[in-house]
Amino acid sequence: MKQRCTNRAALAGIELEYEKQGAGEPVVLIHPGHFADWFTPLLDEPALIDHYLVLSYHRVGCAGSSHIAGPVSFAQQAAHCRSLMRHLGIERAHVVGHSSSGNIALQLALDAPETVRSLALLEPALMSVPSAQTSRAFLGTAIELYRAGNKAGAVDTFLQGTCGPGYRAVLDHALPGAFDQHVADADTGINGRRHKRSMSPPIKKAKAAALQFLAATGDAKYLPLFKTNVGDSSYSVAGAALSALAALEPANAYPLAKKYSTDAKGDLSTAVNDIIMSNGTEADFDLVAASYDKAPLSREKVEASATFESRRSGTAGD
């Protein structure tokens, strides 16, 4: 791999290394985890750089970008990407994210939708999907190796788990020296992964958005995912999962809506009430209406009033 010419951008409290190639509509490549040069081969692809302005950068803690103490949330990293785009005069871009950077791309779209022309999400790191069970096993081993001081073993275990046992020959051919850089940045990547289990509210928003996207496909293969996430600690995630379940299996969603009706809040409360009003009895409706009557005045209550009036009008003559 040829030596890249990397620029530096001084942003609010951090510096990010970056490279631009080509001309045209902007495309922003966000590399996965601490694998700083993952997208580097794409910067020499004529199919891209002959038609697009391609921006690739190193996330904080990777290669020559700023190394900062403590965990960095996806929301913070999405803000870094947005700041870099502003610094370079990029108003909107096609944003590409792989693995954990898929989550960052989702977060950017949630926080600043006006900056995202389109999203390309390559295996976003959603730890609640069915395939995550396999990921948890090798990720746990990688973290144990890291904590024991074996950074190279930790990186090797992680890459074998994600890319397969023969990854090293392919990696060394495509990105010579990249493995050593991955090991050098392991403090950011593998060490930082232990903080992702307790997701911040913005990441819960991203997870809820992902569930809504999957629900829109109407594909029954996602039912196990929806059923699992109905019990999520986040009202946004649980609400999105319950609404998705109701669209595919309303008969199964109804008893769950009744179950959660007593303490539901936010998006979960909205989903519960919608399901009960659509599928429940008149007594169920009266129960939901009573809860709204007791609720303090809010935007949600005002918006819901039209729904209640419509239902009351429709049942008055029954």
C-alpha atoms as a PDB file:
ATOM      1  CA  MET A   1       0.000   0.000   0.000  1.00  0.00           C
ATOM      2  CA  LYS A   2       1.451   3.352  -0.998  1.00  0.00           C
ATOM      3  CA  GLN A   3       2.077   6.031   1.604  1.00  0.00           C
ATOM      4  CA  ARG A   4      -0.995   8.192   1.906  1.00  0.00           C
ATOM      5  CA  CYS A   5      -0.904  11.965   2.021  1.00  0.00           C
ATOM      6  CA  THR A   6      -2.940  12.718   5.134  1.00  0.00           C
ATOM      7  CA  ASN A   7      -4.210  16.130   6.198  1.00  0.00           C
ATOM      8  CA  ARG A   8      -5.225  17.210   9.685  1.00  0.00           C
ATOM      9  CA  ALA A   9      -8.275  19.169  10.753  1.00  0.00           C
ATOM     10  CA  ALA A  10      -8.302  21.023  14.078  1.00  0.00           C
ATOM     11  CA  LEU A  11     -11.853  20.836  15.388  1.00  0.00           C
ATOM     12  CA  ALA A  12     -13.372  21.591  18.796  1.00  0.00           C
ATOM     13  CA  GLY A  13     -10.903  19.983  21.192  1.00  0.00           C
ATOM     14  CA  ILE A  14      -9.690  17.272  18.799  1.00  0.00           C
ATOM     15  CA  GLU A  15      -7.729  16.785  15.616  1.00  0.00           C
ATOM     16  CA  LEU A  16      -8.701  14.316  12.900  1.00  0.00           C
ATOM     17  CA  GLU A  17      -6.547  12.964  10.096  1.00  0.00           C
ATOM     18  CA  TYR A  18      -8.312  12.868   6.767  1.00  0.00           C
ATOM     19  CA  GLU A  19      -7.838  12.389   3.046  1.00  0.00           C
ATOM     20  CA  LYS A  20      -9.911  13.559   0.082  1.00  0.00           C
ATOM     21  CA  GLN A  21      -9.838  12.156  -3.424  1.00  0.00           C
ATOM     22  CA  GLY A  22     -11.839  12.853  -6.566  1.00  0.00           C
ATOM     23  CA  ALA A  23     -14.557  15.373  -7.365  1.00  0.00           C
ATOM     24  CA  GLY A  24     -18.346  15.362  -7.447  1.00  0.00           C
ATOM     25  CA  GLU A  25     -21.009  14.578  -4.868  1.00  0.00           C
ATOM     26  CA  PRO A  26     -19.344  13.988  -1.484  1.00  0.00           C
ATOM     27  CA  VAL A  27     -19.053  10.468  -0.072  1.00  0.00           C
ATOM     28  CA  VAL A  28     -17.881  10.094   3.539  1.00  0.00           C
ATOM     29  CA  LEU A  29     -16.287   6.786   4.553  1.00  0.00           C
ATOM     30  CA  ILE A  30     -16.298   6.047   8.311  1.00  0.00           C
ATOM     31  CA  HIS A  31     -13.997   3.155   9.157  1.00  0.00           C
ATOM     32  CA  PRO A  32     -15.084   0.355  11.520  1.00  0.00           C
ATOM     33  CA  GLY A  33     -13.793   0.325  15.084  1.00  0.00           C
ATOM     34  CA  HIS A  34     -10.079   0.966  15.397  1.00  0.00           C
ATOM     35  CA  PHE A  35      -9.324  -0.297  11.880  1.00  0.00           C
ATOM     36  CA  ALA A  36      -8.150   3.072  10.660  1.00  0.00           C
ATOM     37  CA  ASP A  37      -7.223   2.245   7.056  1.00  0.00           C
ATOM     38  CA  TRP A  38     -10.056  -0.192   6.333  1.00  0.00           C
ATOM     39  CA  PHE A  39     -11.425   1.878   3.441  1.00  0.00           C
ATOM     40  CA  THR A  40      -8.071   3.042   2.069  1.00  0.00           C
ATOM     41  CA  PRO A  41      -8.169   0.848  -1.083  1.00  0.00           C
ATOM     42  CA  LEU A  42     -11.379   2.579  -2.128  1.00  0.00           C
ATOM     43  CA  LEU A  43      -9.537   5.899  -2.383  1.00  0.00           C
ATOM     44  CA  ASP A  44      -7.790   4.594  -5.508  1.00  0.00           C
ATOM     45  CA  GLU A  45     -10.898   3.172  -7.176  1.00  0.00           C
ATOM     46  CA  PRO A  46     -11.665   5.038 -10.432  1.00  0.00           C
ATOM     47  CA  ALA A  47     -15.334   4.035 -10.168  1.00  0.00           C
ATOM     48  CA  LEU A  48     -15.509   6.201  -7.073  1.00  0.00           C
ATOM     49  CA  ILE A  49     -13.004   9.013  -7.419  1.00  0.00           C
ATOM     50  CA  ASP A  50     -13.847   9.678 -11.077  1.00  0.00           C
ATOM     51  CA  HIS A  51     -17.414  10.534 -10.083  1.00  0.00           C
ATOM     52  CA  TYR A  52     -17.400  11.477  -6.391  1.00  0.00           C
ATOM     53  CA  LEU A  53     -15.463  13.500  -3.851  1.00  0.00           C
ATOM     54  CA  VAL A  54     -14.458  10.758  -1.417  1.00  0.00           C
ATOM     55  CA  LEU A  55     -13.573  11.708   2.155  1.00  0.00           C
ATOM     56  CA  SER A  56     -11.965   9.201   4.508  1.00  0.00           C
ATOM     57  CA  TYR A  57     -10.794  10.048   8.017  1.00  0.00           C
ATOM     58  CA  HIS A  58      -9.403   8.452  11.154  1.00  0.00           C
ATOM     59  CA  ARG A  59     -11.765   8.405  14.104  1.00  0.00           C
ATOM     60  CA  VAL A  60     -10.483   9.675  17.454  1.00  0.00           C
ATOM     61  CA  GLY A  61      -8.060   7.258  19.065  1.00  0.00           C
ATOM     62  CA  CYS A  62      -6.983   5.837  15.704  1.00  0.00           C
ATOM     63  CA  ALA A  63      -3.671   6.329  13.867  1.00  0.00           C
ATOM     64  CA  GLY A  64      -2.697  10.010  14.018  1.00  0.00           C
ATOM     65  CA  SER A  65      -6.016  11.451  15.146  1.00  0.00           C
ATOM     66  CA  SER A  66      -6.349  12.694  18.711  1.00  0.00           C
ATOM     67  CA  HIS A  67      -6.241  10.088  21.453  1.00  0.00           C
ATOM     68  CA  ILE A  68      -8.558  11.119  24.270  1.00  0.00           C
ATOM     69  CA  ALA A  69      -9.130   9.627  27.699  1.00  0.00           C
ATOM     70  CA  GLY A  70     -12.216   7.604  28.514  1.00  0.00           C
ATOM     71  CA  PRO A  71     -14.954   6.104  26.348  1.00  0.00           C
ATOM     72  CA  VAL A  72     -16.335   7.998  23.360  1.00  0.00           C
ATOM     73  CA  SER A  73     -20.015   7.564  22.540  1.00  0.00           C
ATOM     74  CA  PHE A  74     -21.438   7.071  19.069  1.00  0.00           C
ATOM     75  CA  ALA A  75     -23.177  10.426  19.480  1.00  0.00           C
ATOM     76  CA  GLN A  76     -19.818  12.121  20.082  1.00  0.00           C
ATOM     77  CA  GLN A  77     -18.269  10.403  17.082  1.00  0.00           C
ATOM     78  CA  ALA A  78     -21.209  11.365  14.900  1.00  0.00           C
ATOM     79  CA  ALA A  79     -20.628  14.957  16.039  1.00  0.00           C
ATOM     80  CA  HIS A  80     -16.940  14.632  15.082  1.00  0.00           C
ATOM     81  CA  CYS A  81     -17.924  13.520  11.582  1.00  0.00           C
ATOM     82  CA  ARG A  82     -20.350  16.396  11.267  1.00  0.00           C
ATOM     83  CA  SER A  83     -17.721  18.888  12.449  1.00  0.00           C
ATOM     84  CA  LEU A  84     -15.205  17.576   9.919  1.00  0.00           C
ATOM     85  CA  MET A  85     -17.740  17.916   7.120  1.00  0.00           C
ATOM     86  CA  ARG A  86     -18.445  21.503   8.148  1.00  0.00           C
ATOM     87  CA  HIS A  87     -14.706  22.231   8.369  1.00  0.00           C
ATOM     88  CA  LEU A  88     -14.275  21.031   4.788  1.00  0.00           C
ATOM     89  CA  GLY A  89     -17.351  22.838   3.480  1.00  0.00           C
ATOM     90  CA  ILE A  90     -19.366  19.661   2.895  1.00  0.00           C
ATOM     91  CA  GLU A  91     -23.047  20.366   3.511  1.00  0.00           C
ATOM     92  CA  ARG A  92     -24.495  16.957   2.567  1.00  0.00           C
ATOM     93  CA  ALA A  93     -22.925  13.625   1.746  1.00  0.00           C
ATOM     94  CA  HIS A  94     -23.535   9.986   1.020  1.00  0.00           C
ATOM     95  CA  VAL A  95     -22.358   8.402   4.287  1.00  0.00           C
ATOM     96  CA  VAL A  96     -20.866   4.899   4.408  1.00  0.00           C
ATOM     97  CA  GLY A  97     -20.423   3.053   7.692  1.00  0.00           C
ATOM     98  CA  HIS A  98     -19.189  -0.471   8.406  1.00  0.00           C
ATOM     99  CA  SER A  99     -19.769  -2.357  11.672  1.00  0.00           C
ATOM    100  CA  SER A 100     -19.629   0.134  14.574  1.00  0.00           C
ATOM    101  CA  SER A 101     -19.316   3.019  12.136  1.00  0.00           C
ATOM    102  CA  GLY A 102     -22.679   1.955  10.738  1.00  0.00           C
ATOM    103  CA  ASN A 103     -24.051   2.933  14.136  1.00  0.00           C
ATOM    104  CA  ILE A 104     -22.217   6.257  13.882  1.00  0.00           C
ATOM    105  CA  ALA A 105     -23.722   6.853  10.437  1.00  0.00           C
ATOM    106  CA  LEU A 106     -27.192   6.085  11.827  1.00  0.00           C
ATOM    107  CA  GLN A 107     -26.563   8.477  14.705  1.00  0.00           C
ATOM    108  CA  LEU A 108     -25.470  11.202  12.302  1.00  0.00           C
ATOM    109  CA  ALA A 109     -28.670  10.736  10.301  1.00  0.00           C
ATOM    110  CA  LEU A 110     -30.734  11.004  13.493  1.00  0.00           C
ATOM    111  CA  ASP A 111     -28.927  14.045  14.888  1.00  0.00           C
ATOM    112  CA  ALA A 112     -28.328  15.967  11.659  1.00  0.00           C
ATOM    113  CA  PRO A 113     -30.523  14.541   8.884  1.00  0.00           C
ATOM    114  CA  GLU A 114     -29.880  17.580   6.736  1.00  0.00           C
ATOM    115  CA  THR A 115     -26.225  16.488   6.350  1.00  0.00           C
ATOM    116  CA  VAL A 116     -26.997  12.977   5.044  1.00  0.00           C
ATOM    117  CA  ARG A 117     -27.924  12.507   1.397  1.00  0.00           C
ATOM    118  CA  SER A 118     -28.009   8.712   1.699  1.00  0.00           C
ATOM    119  CA  LEU A 119     -26.799   5.942   4.022  1.00  0.00           C
ATOM    120  CA  ALA A 120     -24.873   2.781   3.161  1.00  0.00           C
ATOM    121  CA  LEU A 121     -24.798   0.600   6.286  1.00  0.00           C
ATOM    122  CA  LEU A 122     -22.513  -2.420   6.048  1.00  0.00           C
ATOM    123  CA  GLU A 123     -23.281  -4.826   8.889  1.00  0.00           C
ATOM    124  CA  PRO A 124     -24.007  -2.201  11.575  1.00  0.00           C
ATOM    125  CA  ALA A 125     -23.070  -3.444  15.054  1.00  0.00           C
ATOM    126  CA  LEU A 126     -26.539  -4.105  16.470  1.00  0.00           C
ATOM    127  CA  MET A 127     -25.932  -6.395  19.415  1.00  0.00           C
ATOM    128  CA  SER A 128     -29.571  -7.432  19.769  1.00  0.00           C
ATOM    129  CA  VAL A 129     -29.962  -9.098  16.371  1.00  0.00           C
ATOM    130  CA  PRO A 130     -29.930 -12.936  16.258  1.00  0.00           C
ATOM    131  CA  SER A 131     -26.425 -13.136  14.752  1.00  0.00           C
ATOM    132  CA  ALA A 132     -25.010 -11.142  17.675  1.00  0.00           C
ATOM    133  CA  GLN A 133     -24.944 -14.313  19.784  1.00  0.00           C
ATOM    134  CA  THR A 134     -21.920 -15.474  17.794  1.00  0.00           C
ATOM    135  CA  SER A 135     -20.261 -12.066  18.051  1.00  0.00           C
ATOM    136  CA  ARG A 136     -20.586 -11.962  21.835  1.00  0.00           C
ATOM    137  CA  ALA A 137     -18.588 -15.191  22.170  1.00  0.00           C
ATOM    138  CA  PHE A 138     -15.441 -14.148  20.304  1.00  0.00           C
ATOM    139  CA  LEU A 139     -15.727 -10.539  21.445  1.00  0.00           C
ATOM    140  CA  GLY A 140     -15.682 -11.672  25.065  1.00  0.00           C
ATOM    141  CA  THR A 141     -12.544 -13.721  24.397  1.00  0.00           C
ATOM    142  CA  ALA A 142     -10.888 -10.764  22.665  1.00  0.00           C
ATOM    143  CA  ILE A 143     -11.625  -8.490  25.621  1.00  0.00           C
ATOM    144  CA  GLU A 144     -10.186 -11.049  28.058  1.00  0.00           C
ATOM    145  CA  LEU A 145      -6.976 -11.269  26.002  1.00  0.00           C
ATOM    146  CA  TYR A 146      -6.730  -7.483  25.895  1.00  0.00           C
ATOM    147  CA  ARG A 147      -7.135  -7.180  29.654  1.00  0.00           C
ATOM    148  CA  ALA A 148      -4.422  -9.813  30.084  1.00  0.00           C
ATOM    149  CA  GLY A 149      -2.052  -7.592  28.096  1.00  0.00           C
ATOM    150  CA  ASN A 150      -2.159  -9.587  24.850  1.00  0.00           C
ATOM    151  CA  LYS A 151      -3.255  -6.888  22.422  1.00  0.00           C
ATOM    152  CA  ALA A 152      -2.094  -8.749  19.312  1.00  0.00           C
ATOM    153  CA  GLY A 153      -3.987 -11.862  20.396  1.00  0.00           C
ATOM    154  CA  ALA A 154      -7.076  -9.773  21.098  1.00  0.00           C
ATOM    155  CA  VAL A 155      -7.014  -8.182  17.642  1.00  0.00           C
ATOM    156  CA  ASP A 156      -6.341 -11.544  15.984  1.00  0.00           C
ATOM    157  CA  THR A 157      -9.264 -13.167  17.838  1.00  0.00           C
ATOM    158  CA  PHE A 158     -11.595 -10.337  16.890  1.00  0.00           C
ATOM    159  CA  LEU A 159     -10.609 -10.385  13.212  1.00  0.00           C
ATOM    160  CA  GLN A 160     -10.870 -14.170  13.007  1.00  0.00           C
ATOM    161  CA  GLY A 161     -14.349 -13.899  14.458  1.00  0.00           C
ATOM    162  CA  THR A 162     -15.496 -11.176  12.069  1.00  0.00           C
ATOM    163  CA  CYS A 163     -13.566 -12.044   8.907  1.00  0.00           C
ATOM    164  CA  GLY A 164     -12.775 -15.764   9.194  1.00  0.00           C
ATOM    165  CA  PRO A 165      -9.622 -17.770   9.955  1.00  0.00           C
ATOM    166  CA  GLY A 166      -7.898 -16.860   6.685  1.00  0.00           C
ATOM    167  CA  TYR A 167      -8.232 -13.100   7.107  1.00  0.00           C
ATOM    168  CA  ARG A 168      -4.536 -12.353   7.736  1.00  0.00           C
ATOM    169  CA  ALA A 169      -3.274 -13.171   4.235  1.00  0.00           C
ATOM    170  CA  VAL A 170      -5.970 -11.000   2.673  1.00  0.00           C
ATOM    171  CA  LEU A 171      -5.354  -8.141   5.121  1.00  0.00           C
ATOM    172  CA  ASP A 172      -1.569  -8.160   4.632  1.00  0.00           C
ATOM    173  CA  HIS A 173      -2.006  -8.162   0.860  1.00  0.00           C
ATOM    174  CA  ALA A 174      -4.568  -5.359   0.745  1.00  0.00           C
ATOM    175  CA  LEU A 175      -3.230  -3.246   3.631  1.00  0.00           C
ATOM    176  CA  PRO A 176       0.400  -4.048   4.428  1.00  0.00           C
ATOM    177  CA  GLY A 177       1.218  -3.044   7.997  1.00  0.00           C
ATOM    178  CA  ALA A 178      -2.415  -2.565   8.929  1.00  0.00           C
ATOM    179  CA  PHE A 179      -2.418  -5.356  11.531  1.00  0.00           C
ATOM    180  CA  ASP A 180       0.312  -3.611  13.526  1.00  0.00           C
ATOM    181  CA  GLN A 181      -1.676  -0.368  13.378  1.00  0.00           C
ATOM    182  CA  HIS A 182      -4.754  -2.208  14.629  1.00  0.00           C
ATOM    183  CA  VAL A 183      -2.750  -3.514  17.579  1.00  0.00           C
ATOM    184  CA  ALA A 184      -1.399  -0.020  18.308  1.00  0.00           C
ATOM    185  CA  ASP A 185      -4.965   1.338  18.375  1.00  0.00           C
ATOM    186  CA  ALA A 186      -6.405  -1.521  20.440  1.00  0.00           C
ATOM    187  CA  ASP A 187      -6.756   0.745  23.481  1.00  0.00           C
ATOM    188  CA  THR A 188      -9.414   2.627  21.543  1.00  0.00           C
ATOM    189  CA  GLY A 189     -11.059  -0.300  19.785  1.00  0.00           C
ATOM    190  CA  ILE A 190     -11.187  -3.396  21.942  1.00  0.00           C
ATOM    191  CA  ASN A 191     -10.866  -1.599  25.265  1.00  0.00           C
ATOM    192  CA  GLY A 192     -13.606   0.812  24.238  1.00  0.00           C
ATOM    193  CA  ARG A 193     -15.997  -1.995  23.344  1.00  0.00           C
ATOM    194  CA  ARG A 194     -16.701  -2.826  26.946  1.00  0.00           C
ATOM    195  CA  HIS A 195     -18.488   0.512  27.250  1.00  0.00           C
ATOM    196  CA  LYS A 196     -20.988  -0.252  24.501  1.00  0.00           C
ATOM    197  CA  ARG A 197     -23.082  -2.615  26.576  1.00  0.00           C
ATOM    198  CA  SER A 198     -24.632   0.292  28.424  1.00  0.00           C
ATOM    199  CA  MET A 199     -25.939   2.241  25.458  1.00  0.00           C
ATOM    200  CA  SER A 200     -26.535   5.948  25.770  1.00  0.00           C
ATOM    201  CA  PRO A 201     -29.989   7.377  24.931  1.00  0.00           C
ATOM    202  CA  PRO A 202     -28.853   8.517  21.449  1.00  0.00           C
ATOM    203  CA  ILE A 203     -27.805   4.958  20.632  1.00  0.00           C
ATOM    204  CA  LYS A 204     -31.148   3.696  21.870  1.00  0.00           C
ATOM    205  CA  LYS A 205     -32.678   6.106  19.343  1.00  0.00           C
ATOM    206  CA  ALA A 206     -30.507   4.579  16.630  1.00  0.00           C
ATOM    207  CA  LYS A 207     -31.555   1.075  17.674  1.00  0.00           C
ATOM    208  CA  ALA A 208     -35.225   2.064  17.612  1.00  0.00           C
ATOM    209  CA  ALA A 209     -34.758   3.581  14.140  1.00  0.00           C
ATOM    210  CA  ALA A 210     -33.138   0.364  12.933  1.00  0.00           C
ATOM    211  CA  LEU A 211     -36.088  -1.666  14.229  1.00  0.00           C
ATOM    212  CA  GLN A 212     -38.507   0.673  12.452  1.00  0.00           C
ATOM    213  CA  PHE A 213     -36.557   0.230   9.228  1.00  0.00           C
ATOM    214  CA  LEU A 214     -36.695  -3.565   9.525  1.00  0.00           C
ATOM    215  CA  ALA A 215     -40.397  -3.403  10.369  1.00  0.00           C
ATOM    216  CA  ALA A 216     -41.063  -1.486   7.151  1.00  0.00           C
ATOM    217  CA  THR A 217     -39.821  -4.488   5.149  1.00  0.00           C
ATOM    218  CA  GLY A 218     -42.726  -6.569   6.457  1.00  0.00           C
ATOM    219  CA  ASP A 219     -40.402  -9.592   6.565  1.00  0.00           C
ATOM    220  CA  ALA A 220     -41.429 -12.203   9.128  1.00  0.00           C
ATOM    221  CA  LYS A 221     -37.821 -13.351   9.569  1.00  0.00           C
ATOM    222  CA  TYR A 222     -37.321 -10.383  11.907  1.00  0.00           C
ATOM    223  CA  LEU A 223     -40.074 -11.515  14.299  1.00  0.00           C
ATOM    224  CA  PRO A 224     -37.624 -13.044  16.825  1.00  0.00           C
ATOM    225  CA  LEU A 225     -35.757  -9.734  16.903  1.00  0.00           C
ATOM    226  CA  PHE A 226     -38.946  -7.752  17.527  1.00  0.00           C
ATOM    227  CA  LYS A 227     -40.098 -10.143  20.250  1.00  0.00           C
ATOM    228  CA  THR A 228     -36.736  -9.936  22.026  1.00  0.00           C
ATOM    229  CA  ASN A 229     -36.666  -6.142  22.024  1.00  0.00           C
ATOM    230  CA  VAL A 230     -40.193  -5.637  23.345  1.00  0.00           C
ATOM    231  CA  GLY A 231     -38.625  -6.106  26.772  1.00  0.00           C
ATOM    232  CA  ASP A 232     -35.801  -3.607  26.186  1.00  0.00           C
ATOM    233  CA  SER A 233     -35.118  -1.119  28.977  1.00  0.00           C
ATOM    234  CA  SER A 234     -35.552   1.776  26.522  1.00  0.00           C
ATOM    235  CA  TYR A 235     -39.143   2.897  25.910  1.00  0.00           C
ATOM    236  CA  SER A 236     -38.140   3.969  22.381  1.00  0.00           C
ATOM    237  CA  VAL A 237     -36.694   0.557  21.505  1.00  0.00           C
ATOM    238  CA  ALA A 238     -39.516  -1.375  23.183  1.00  0.00           C
ATOM    239  CA  GLY A 239     -42.124   0.809  21.465  1.00  0.00           C
ATOM    240  CA  ALA A 240     -40.557   0.302  18.036  1.00  0.00           C
ATOM    241  CA  ALA A 241     -40.357  -3.464  18.613  1.00  0.00           C
ATOM    242  CA  LEU A 242     -43.958  -3.718  19.835  1.00  0.00           C
ATOM    243  CA  SER A 243     -45.275  -1.689  16.885  1.00  0.00           C
ATOM    244  CA  ALA A 244     -43.305  -3.913  14.509  1.00  0.00           C
ATOM    245  CA  LEU A 245     -44.694  -7.032  16.160  1.00  0.00           C
ATOM    246  CA  ALA A 246     -48.238  -5.642  15.910  1.00  0.00           C
ATOM    247  CA  ALA A 247     -47.873  -5.159  12.167  1.00  0.00           C
ATOM    248  CA  LEU A 248     -46.908  -8.816  11.668  1.00  0.00           C
ATOM    249  CA  GLU A 249     -48.670 -10.631  14.506  1.00  0.00           C
ATOM    250  CA  PRO A 250     -51.387  -8.392  15.992  1.00  0.00           C
ATOM    251  CA  ALA A 251     -52.846 -11.289  17.992  1.00  0.00           C
ATOM    252  CA  ASN A 252     -49.544 -11.752  19.833  1.00  0.00           C
ATOM    253  CA  ALA A 253     -48.938  -8.017  20.236  1.00  0.00           C
ATOM    254  CA  TYR A 254     -52.266  -7.384  21.964  1.00  0.00           C
ATOM    255  CA  PRO A 255     -51.574  -9.365  25.191  1.00  0.00           C
ATOM    256  CA  LEU A 256     -48.139  -7.761  25.391  1.00  0.00           C
ATOM    257  CA  ALA A 257     -49.720  -4.324  25.039  1.00  0.00           C
ATOM    258  CA  LYS A 258     -52.089  -5.172  27.910  1.00  0.00           C
ATOM    259  CA  LYS A 259     -49.122  -6.414  29.953  1.00  0.00           C
ATOM    260  CA  TYR A 260     -47.148  -3.173  29.563  1.00  0.00           C
ATOM    261  CA  SER A 261     -50.108  -0.797  29.697  1.00  0.00           C
ATOM    262  CA  THR A 262     -49.770   0.007  33.409  1.00  0.00           C
ATOM    263  CA  ASP A 263     -46.251   1.445  33.366  1.00  0.00           C
ATOM    264  CA  ALA A 264     -45.499   2.256  29.715  1.00  0.00           C
ATOM    265  CA  LYS A 265     -44.094   5.677  28.863  1.00  0.00           C
ATOM    266  CA  GLY A 266     -42.968   7.553  25.770  1.00  0.00           C
ATOM    267  CA  ASP A 267     -42.901   5.572  22.529  1.00  0.00           C
ATOM    268  CA  LEU A 268     -43.876   2.357  24.308  1.00  0.00           C
ATOM    269  CA  SER A 269     -46.985   4.030  25.702  1.00  0.00           C
ATOM    270  CA  THR A 270     -47.916   5.234  22.220  1.00  0.00           C
ATOM    271  CA  ALA A 271     -47.502   1.748  20.777  1.00  0.00           C
ATOM    272  CA  VAL A 272     -49.485   0.167  23.620  1.00  0.00           C
ATOM    273  CA  ASN A 273     -52.377   2.588  23.223  1.00  0.00           C
ATOM    274  CA  ASP A 274     -52.464   2.237  19.439  1.00  0.00           C
ATOM    275  CA  ILE A 275     -52.624  -1.558  19.698  1.00  0.00           C
ATOM    276  CA  ILE A 276     -55.269  -1.574  22.403  1.00  0.00           C
ATOM    277  CA  MET A 277     -57.451   0.941  20.566  1.00  0.00           C
ATOM    278  CA  SER A 278     -57.149  -1.031  17.336  1.00  0.00           C
ATOM    279  CA  ASN A 279     -57.632  -4.531  18.723  1.00  0.00           C
ATOM    280  CA  GLY A 280     -59.035  -4.259  22.234  1.00  0.00           C
ATOM    281  CA  THR A 281     -62.501  -4.195  23.716  1.00  0.00           C
ATOM    282  CA  GLU A 282     -64.505  -1.138  24.662  1.00  0.00           C
ATOM    283  CA  ALA A 283     -63.417  -1.669  28.263  1.00  0.00           C
ATOM    284  CA  ASP A 284     -59.789  -1.593  27.119  1.00  0.00           C
ATOM    285  CA  PHE A 285     -60.422   1.643  25.285  1.00  0.00           C
ATOM    286  CA  ASP A 286     -62.007   3.201  28.367  1.00  0.00           C
ATOM    287  CA  LEU A 287     -58.951   2.210  30.381  1.00  0.00           C
ATOM    288  CA  VAL A 288     -56.609   3.871  27.869  1.00  0.00           C
ATOM    289  CA  ALA A 289     -58.810   6.952  27.649  1.00  0.00           C
ATOM    290  CA  ALA A 290     -58.820   7.262  31.437  1.00  0.00           C
ATOM    291  CA  SER A 291     -55.026   7.181  31.527  1.00  0.00           C
ATOM    292  CA  TYR A 292     -54.910  10.017  29.001  1.00  0.00           C
ATOM    293  CA  ASP A 293     -57.445  12.005  30.985  1.00  0.00           C
ATOM    294  CA  LYS A 294     -55.185  11.768  34.037  1.00  0.00           C
ATOM    295  CA  ALA A 295     -52.011  12.622  32.114  1.00  0.00           C
ATOM    296  CA  PRO A 296     -50.611  16.182  32.346  1.00  0.00           C
ATOM    297  CA  LEU A 297     -51.069  18.474  29.380  1.00  0.00           C
ATOM    298  CA  SER A 298     -48.382  17.834  26.758  1.00  0.00           C
ATOM    299  CA  ARG A 299     -47.904  17.836  23.001  1.00  0.00           C
ATOM    300  CA  GLU A 300     -48.440  14.073  22.910  1.00  0.00           C
ATOM    301  CA  LYS A 301     -51.727  14.413  24.784  1.00  0.00           C
ATOM    302  CA  VAL A 302     -52.989  17.105  22.423  1.00  0.00           C
ATOM    303  CA  GLU A 303     -52.043  15.014  19.366  1.00  0.00           C
ATOM    304  CA  ALA A 304     -53.725  11.958  20.856  1.00  0.00           C
ATOM    305  CA  SER A 305     -56.995  13.792  21.488  1.00  0.00           C
ATOM    306  CA  ALA A 306     -57.991  13.553  17.813  1.00  0.00           C
ATOM    307  CA  THR A 307     -57.520   9.784  17.919  1.00  0.00           C
ATOM    308  CA  PHE A 308     -59.712   9.442  20.994  1.00  0.00           C
ATOM    309  CA  GLU A 309     -62.445  11.667  19.583  1.00  0.00           C
ATOM    310  CA  SER A 310     -62.466   9.630  16.382  1.00  0.00           C
ATOM    311  CA  ARG A 311     -62.822   6.367  18.315  1.00  0.00           C
ATOM    312  CA  ARG A 312     -65.528   7.811  20.585  1.00  0.00           C
ATOM    313  CA  SER A 313     -67.485   9.058  17.563  1.00  0.00           C
ATOM    314  CA  GLY A 314     -67.148   5.716  15.818  1.00  0.00           C
ATOM    315  CA  THR A 315     -68.454   3.756  18.797  1.00  0.00           C
ATOM    316  CA  ALA A 316     -71.195   6.128  19.941  1.00  0.00           C
ATOM    317  CA  GLY A 317     -73.843   4.501  17.784  1.00  0.00           C
ATOM    318  CA  ASP A 318     -72.776   0.901  18.307  1.00  0.00           C
END
